[in-house]
PDB file of all heavy atoms in Angstrom:
ATOM      1  N   TYR A   1      24.519 -34.838 -17.301  1.00  0.00           N
ATOM      2  CA  TYR A   1      24.998 -34.766 -15.913  1.00  0.00           C
ATOM      3  C   TYR A   1      26.288 -35.568 -15.738  1.00  0.00           C
ATOM      4  O   TYR A   1      27.216 -35.121 -15.049  1.00  0.00           O
ATOM      5  CB  TYR A   1      23.904 -35.297 -14.989  1.00  0.00           C
ATOM      6  CG  TYR A   1      24.254 -35.280 -13.518  1.00  0.00           C
ATOM      7  CD1 TYR A   1      24.339 -34.081 -12.817  1.00  0.00           C
ATOM      8  CD2 TYR A   1      24.485 -36.472 -12.832  1.00  0.00           C
ATOM      9  CE1 TYR A   1      24.658 -34.062 -11.467  1.00  0.00           C
ATOM     10  CE2 TYR A   1      24.798 -36.460 -11.477  1.00  0.00           C
ATOM     11  CZ  TYR A   1      24.875 -35.257 -10.802  1.00  0.00           C
ATOM     12  OH  TYR A   1      25.192 -35.244  -9.462  1.00  0.00           O
ATOM     13  N   GLU A   2      26.351 -36.732 -16.358  1.00  0.00           N
ATOM     14  CA  GLU A   2      27.550 -37.555 -16.243  1.00  0.00           C
ATOM     15  C   GLU A   2      28.750 -36.868 -16.889  1.00  0.00           C
ATOM     16  O   GLU A   2      29.870 -36.956 -16.388  1.00  0.00           O
ATOM     17  CB  GLU A   2      27.297 -38.926 -16.869  1.00  0.00           C
ATOM     18  CG  GLU A   2      26.334 -39.779 -16.046  1.00  0.00           C
ATOM     19  CD  GLU A   2      25.949 -41.077 -16.724  1.00  0.00           C
ATOM     20  OE1 GLU A   2      26.168 -41.177 -17.954  1.00  0.00           O
ATOM     21  OE2 GLU A   2      25.412 -41.965 -16.047  1.00  0.00           O
ATOM     22  N   LEU A   3      28.527 -36.164 -17.993  1.00  0.00           N
ATOM     23  CA  LEU A   3      29.601 -35.391 -18.616  1.00  0.00           C
ATOM     24  C   LEU A   3      30.006 -34.221 -17.715  1.00  0.00           C
ATOM     25  O   LEU A   3      31.193 -33.937 -17.531  1.00  0.00           O
ATOM     26  CB  LEU A   3      29.147 -34.850 -19.976  1.00  0.00           C
ATOM     27  CG  LEU A   3      28.964 -35.859 -21.111  1.00  0.00           C
ATOM     28  CD1 LEU A   3      28.353 -35.177 -22.326  1.00  0.00           C
ATOM     29  CD2 LEU A   3      30.289 -36.498 -21.489  1.00  0.00           C
ATOM     30  N   LEU A   4      29.008 -33.578 -17.154  1.00  0.00           N
ATOM     31  CA  LEU A   4      29.237 -32.395 -16.331  1.00  0.00           C
ATOM     32  C   LEU A   4      30.015 -32.727 -15.069  1.00  0.00           C
ATOM     33  O   LEU A   4      30.958 -32.026 -14.689  1.00  0.00           O
ATOM     34  CB  LEU A   4      27.885 -31.765 -15.972  1.00  0.00           C
ATOM     35  CG  LEU A   4      27.887 -30.480 -15.153  1.00  0.00           C
ATOM     36  CD1 LEU A   4      28.483 -29.338 -15.960  1.00  0.00           C
ATOM     37  CD2 LEU A   4      26.467 -30.134 -14.727  1.00  0.00           C
ATOM     38  N   GLU A   5      29.619 -33.813 -14.424  1.00  0.00           N
ATOM     39  CA  GLU A   5      30.215 -34.183 -13.143  1.00  0.00           C
ATOM     40  C   GLU A   5      31.398 -35.141 -13.289  1.00  0.00           C
ATOM     41  O   GLU A   5      32.077 -35.426 -12.300  1.00  0.00           O
ATOM     42  CB  GLU A   5      29.143 -34.838 -12.249  1.00  0.00           C
ATOM     43  CG  GLU A   5      27.994 -33.907 -11.897  1.00  0.00           C
ATOM     44  CD  GLU A   5      28.444 -32.733 -11.047  1.00  0.00           C
ATOM     45  OE1 GLU A   5      29.168 -32.948 -10.058  1.00  0.00           O
ATOM     46  OE2 GLU A   5      28.069 -31.585 -11.373  1.00  0.00           O
ATOM     47  N   GLY A   6      31.612 -35.638 -14.506  1.00  0.00           N
ATOM     48  CA  GLY A   6      32.703 -36.584 -14.706  1.00  0.00           C
ATOM     49  C   GLY A   6      32.527 -37.855 -13.913  1.00  0.00           C
ATOM     50  O   GLY A   6      33.474 -38.398 -13.340  1.00  0.00           O
ATOM     51  N   LEU A   7      31.296 -38.354 -13.856  1.00  0.00           N
ATOM     52  CA  LEU A   7      30.999 -39.538 -13.051  1.00  0.00           C
ATOM     53  C   LEU A   7      31.700 -40.767 -13.624  1.00  0.00           C
ATOM     54  O   LEU A   7      31.533 -41.104 -14.793  1.00  0.00           O
ATOM     55  CB  LEU A   7      29.491 -39.779 -13.008  1.00  0.00           C
ATOM     56  CG  LEU A   7      28.658 -38.741 -12.248  1.00  0.00           C
ATOM     57  CD1 LEU A   7      27.195 -39.146 -12.281  1.00  0.00           C
ATOM     58  CD2 LEU A   7      29.129 -38.615 -10.817  1.00  0.00           C
ATOM     59  N   THR A   8      32.473 -41.422 -12.805  1.00  0.00           N
ATOM     60  CA  THR A   8      33.129 -42.666 -13.212  1.00  0.00           C
ATOM     61  C   THR A   8      32.855 -43.798 -12.227  1.00  0.00           C
ATOM     62  O   THR A   8      33.189 -44.941 -12.496  1.00  0.00           O
ATOM     63  CB  THR A   8      34.656 -42.459 -13.311  1.00  0.00           C
ATOM     64  OG1 THR A   8      35.149 -41.984 -12.046  1.00  0.00           O
ATOM     65  CG2 THR A   8      34.998 -41.448 -14.397  1.00  0.00           C
ATOM     66  N   GLU A   9      32.249 -43.474 -11.070  1.00  0.00           N
ATOM     67  CA  GLU A   9      32.016 -44.491 -10.056  1.00  0.00           C
ATOM     68  C   GLU A   9      30.935 -45.465 -10.513  1.00  0.00           C
ATOM     69  O   GLU A   9      29.785 -45.065 -10.699  1.00  0.00           O
ATOM     70  CB  GLU A   9      31.585 -43.858  -8.729  1.00  0.00           C
ATOM     71  CG  GLU A   9      32.582 -42.865  -8.154  1.00  0.00           C
ATOM     72  CD  GLU A   9      32.418 -41.476  -8.727  1.00  0.00           C
ATOM     73  OE1 GLU A   9      31.618 -41.327  -9.675  1.00  0.00           O
ATOM     74  OE2 GLU A   9      33.088 -40.552  -8.253  1.00  0.00           O
ATOM     75  N   PRO A  10      31.282 -46.737 -10.709  1.00  0.00           N
ATOM     76  CA  PRO A  10      30.282 -47.701 -11.175  1.00  0.00           C
ATOM     77  C   PRO A  10      29.235 -48.031 -10.120  1.00  0.00           C
ATOM     78  O   PRO A  10      28.219 -48.648 -10.443  1.00  0.00           O
ATOM     79  CB  PRO A  10      31.120 -48.932 -11.524  1.00  0.00           C
ATOM     80  CG  PRO A  10      32.340 -48.812 -10.671  1.00  0.00           C
ATOM     81  CD  PRO A  10      32.621 -47.352 -10.548  1.00  0.00           C
ATOM     82  N   ASP A  11      29.487 -47.651  -8.846  1.00  0.00           N
ATOM     83  CA  ASP A  11      28.520 -47.961  -7.791  1.00  0.00           C
ATOM     84  C   ASP A  11      27.663 -46.752  -7.423  1.00  0.00           C
ATOM     85  O   ASP A  11      26.996 -46.757  -6.405  1.00  0.00           O
ATOM     86  CB  ASP A  11      29.238 -48.474  -6.551  1.00  0.00           C
ATOM     87  CG  ASP A  11      30.159 -47.425  -5.931  1.00  0.00           C
ATOM     88  OD1 ASP A  11      30.512 -46.460  -6.639  1.00  0.00           O
ATOM     89  OD2 ASP A  11      30.517 -47.572  -4.746  1.00  0.00           O
ATOM     90  N   SER A  12      27.670 -45.720  -8.269  1.00  0.00           N
ATOM     91  CA  SER A  12      26.844 -44.542  -8.019  1.00  0.00           C
ATOM     92  C   SER A  12      25.363 -44.898  -8.136  1.00  0.00           C
ATOM     93  O   SER A  12      24.977 -45.777  -8.914  1.00  0.00           O
ATOM     94  CB  SER A  12      27.196 -43.451  -9.030  1.00  0.00           C
ATOM     95  OG  SER A  12      26.179 -42.472  -9.104  1.00  0.00           O
ATOM     96  N   ILE A  13      24.520 -44.207  -7.391  1.00  0.00           N
ATOM     97  CA  ILE A  13      23.074 -44.442  -7.503  1.00  0.00           C
ATOM     98  C   ILE A  13      22.571 -44.093  -8.902  1.00  0.00           C
ATOM     99  O   ILE A  13      21.520 -44.577  -9.326  1.00  0.00           O
ATOM    100  CB  ILE A  13      22.272 -43.633  -6.453  1.00  0.00           C
ATOM    101  CG1 ILE A  13      22.551 -42.132  -6.578  1.00  0.00           C
ATOM    102  CG2 ILE A  13      22.552 -44.125  -5.050  1.00  0.00           C
ATOM    103  CD1 ILE A  13      21.657 -41.274  -5.697  1.00  0.00           C
ATOM    104  N   TYR A  14      23.345 -43.286  -9.634  1.00  0.00           N
ATOM    105  CA  TYR A  14      22.918 -42.907 -10.982  1.00  0.00           C
ATOM    106  C   TYR A  14      23.134 -44.044 -11.977  1.00  0.00           C
ATOM    107  O   TYR A  14      22.700 -43.943 -13.127  1.00  0.00           O
ATOM    108  CB  TYR A  14      23.656 -41.639 -11.423  1.00  0.00           C
ATOM    109  CG  TYR A  14      23.534 -40.528 -10.402  1.00  0.00           C
ATOM    110  CD1 TYR A  14      24.639 -40.083  -9.685  1.00  0.00           C
ATOM    111  CD2 TYR A  14      22.290 -39.964 -10.121  1.00  0.00           C
ATOM    112  CE1 TYR A  14      24.515 -39.092  -8.724  1.00  0.00           C
ATOM    113  CE2 TYR A  14      22.163 -38.967  -9.165  1.00  0.00           C
ATOM    114  CZ  TYR A  14      23.279 -38.539  -8.460  1.00  0.00           C
ATOM    115  OH  TYR A  14      23.146 -37.561  -7.510  1.00  0.00           O
ATOM    116  N   ALA A  15      23.802 -45.121 -11.529  1.00  0.00           N
ATOM    117  CA  ALA A  15      23.944 -46.316 -12.365  1.00  0.00           C
ATOM    118  C   ALA A  15      22.727 -47.228 -12.237  1.00  0.00           C
ATOM    119  O   ALA A  15      22.640 -48.250 -12.925  1.00  0.00           O
ATOM    120  CB  ALA A  15      25.208 -47.078 -11.983  1.00  0.00           C
ATOM    121  N   LEU A  16      21.804 -46.893 -11.370  1.00  0.00           N
ATOM    122  CA  LEU A  16      20.612 -47.713 -11.150  1.00  0.00           C
ATOM    123  C   LEU A  16      19.779 -47.773 -12.429  1.00  0.00           C
ATOM    124  O   LEU A  16      19.404 -46.734 -12.983  1.00  0.00           O
ATOM    125  CB  LEU A  16      19.782 -47.107 -10.016  1.00  0.00           C
ATOM    126  CG  LEU A  16      18.712 -47.980  -9.361  1.00  0.00           C
ATOM    127  CD1 LEU A  16      19.348 -49.156  -8.640  1.00  0.00           C
ATOM    128  CD2 LEU A  16      17.882 -47.138  -8.394  1.00  0.00           C
ATOM    129  N   PRO A  17      19.470 -48.951 -12.952  1.00  0.00           N
ATOM    130  CA  PRO A  17      18.700 -49.044 -14.194  1.00  0.00           C
ATOM    131  C   PRO A  17      17.254 -48.605 -13.986  1.00  0.00           C
ATOM    132  O   PRO A  17      16.700 -48.704 -12.894  1.00  0.00           O
ATOM    133  CB  PRO A  17      18.775 -50.537 -14.540  1.00  0.00           C
ATOM    134  CG  PRO A  17      18.963 -51.222 -13.229  1.00  0.00           C
ATOM    135  CD  PRO A  17      19.819 -50.285 -12.410  1.00  0.00           C
ATOM    136  N   GLN A  18      16.667 -48.096 -15.045  1.00  0.00           N
ATOM    137  CA  GLN A  18      15.265 -47.685 -15.048  1.00  0.00           C
ATOM    138  C   GLN A  18      14.963 -46.689 -13.925  1.00  0.00           C
ATOM    139  O   GLN A  18      13.860 -46.665 -13.383  1.00  0.00           O
ATOM    140  CB  GLN A  18      14.342 -48.904 -14.924  1.00  0.00           C
ATOM    141  CG  GLN A  18      14.485 -49.906 -16.052  1.00  0.00           C
ATOM    142  CD  GLN A  18      13.560 -51.098 -15.894  1.00  0.00           C
ATOM    143  OE1 GLN A  18      12.752 -51.188 -14.968  1.00  0.00           O
ATOM    144  NE2 GLN A  18      13.675 -52.059 -16.800  1.00  0.00           N
ATOM    145  N   ALA A  19      15.946 -45.863 -13.587  1.00  0.00           N
ATOM    146  CA  ALA A  19      15.737 -44.890 -12.509  1.00  0.00           C
ATOM    147  C   ALA A  19      14.846 -43.753 -13.005  1.00  0.00           C
ATOM    148  O   ALA A  19      14.583 -43.602 -14.197  1.00  0.00           O
ATOM    149  CB  ALA A  19      17.074 -44.349 -12.017  1.00  0.00           C
ATOM    150  N   SER A  20      14.388 -42.949 -12.068  1.00  0.00           N
ATOM    151  CA  SER A  20      13.556 -41.790 -12.374  1.00  0.00           C
ATOM    152  C   SER A  20      13.968 -40.658 -11.460  1.00  0.00           C
ATOM    153  O   SER A  20      14.665 -40.862 -10.455  1.00  0.00           O
ATOM    154  CB  SER A  20      12.076 -42.121 -12.152  1.00  0.00           C
ATOM    155  OG  SER A  20      11.830 -42.387 -10.773  1.00  0.00           O
ATOM    156  N   ALA A  21      13.534 -39.460 -11.791  1.00  0.00           N
ATOM    157  CA  ALA A  21      13.838 -38.301 -10.943  1.00  0.00           C
ATOM    158  C   ALA A  21      13.297 -38.507  -9.534  1.00  0.00           C
ATOM    159  O   ALA A  21      13.935 -38.132  -8.542  1.00  0.00           O
ATOM    160  CB  ALA A  21      13.249 -37.042 -11.573  1.00  0.00           C
ATOM    161  N   LYS A  22      12.132 -39.134  -9.423  1.00  0.00           N
ATOM    162  CA  LYS A  22      11.506 -39.345  -8.114  1.00  0.00           C
ATOM    163  C   LYS A  22      12.364 -40.263  -7.244  1.00  0.00           C
ATOM    164  O   LYS A  22      12.636 -39.958  -6.073  1.00  0.00           O
ATOM    165  CB  LYS A  22      10.114 -39.938  -8.285  1.00  0.00           C
ATOM    166  CG  LYS A  22       9.388 -40.206  -6.972  1.00  0.00           C
ATOM    167  CD  LYS A  22       8.005 -40.798  -7.220  1.00  0.00           C
ATOM    168  CE  LYS A  22       7.293 -41.102  -5.906  1.00  0.00           C
ATOM    169  NZ  LYS A  22       5.946 -41.706  -6.139  1.00  0.00           N
ATOM    170  N   ILE A  23      12.803 -41.389  -7.790  1.00  0.00           N
ATOM    171  CA  ILE A  23      13.602 -42.340  -7.013  1.00  0.00           C
ATOM    172  C   ILE A  23      14.945 -41.725  -6.622  1.00  0.00           C
ATOM    173  O   ILE A  23      15.397 -41.854  -5.476  1.00  0.00           O
ATOM    174  CB  ILE A  23      13.808 -43.635  -7.815  1.00  0.00           C
ATOM    175  CG1 ILE A  23      12.499 -44.430  -7.878  1.00  0.00           C
ATOM    176  CG2 ILE A  23      14.906 -44.494  -7.196  1.00  0.00           C
ATOM    177  CD1 ILE A  23      12.580 -45.679  -8.721  1.00  0.00           C
ATOM    178  N   ILE A  24      15.572 -41.035  -7.571  1.00  0.00           N
ATOM    179  CA  ILE A  24      16.856 -40.394  -7.266  1.00  0.00           C
ATOM    180  C   ILE A  24      16.680 -39.359  -6.162  1.00  0.00           C
ATOM    181  O   ILE A  24      17.518 -39.253  -5.247  1.00  0.00           O
ATOM    182  CB  ILE A  24      17.451 -39.755  -8.530  1.00  0.00           C
ATOM    183  CG1 ILE A  24      17.866 -40.837  -9.534  1.00  0.00           C
ATOM    184  CG2 ILE A  24      18.646 -38.872  -8.180  1.00  0.00           C
ATOM    185  CD1 ILE A  24      18.914 -41.799  -9.020  1.00  0.00           C
ATOM    186  N   GLY A  25      15.581 -38.606  -6.200  1.00  0.00           N
ATOM    187  CA  GLY A  25      15.315 -37.627  -5.152  1.00  0.00           C
ATOM    188  C   GLY A  25      15.158 -38.284  -3.789  1.00  0.00           C
ATOM    189  O   GLY A  25      15.672 -37.783  -2.774  1.00  0.00           O
TER     190      GLY A  25
END
């Protein structure tokens, strides 16, 4: 996903450690 979207924002919720699909949802 990070490759696909080109995510570079260090404050993205996807930078959250130990995240899961449930929490991201």
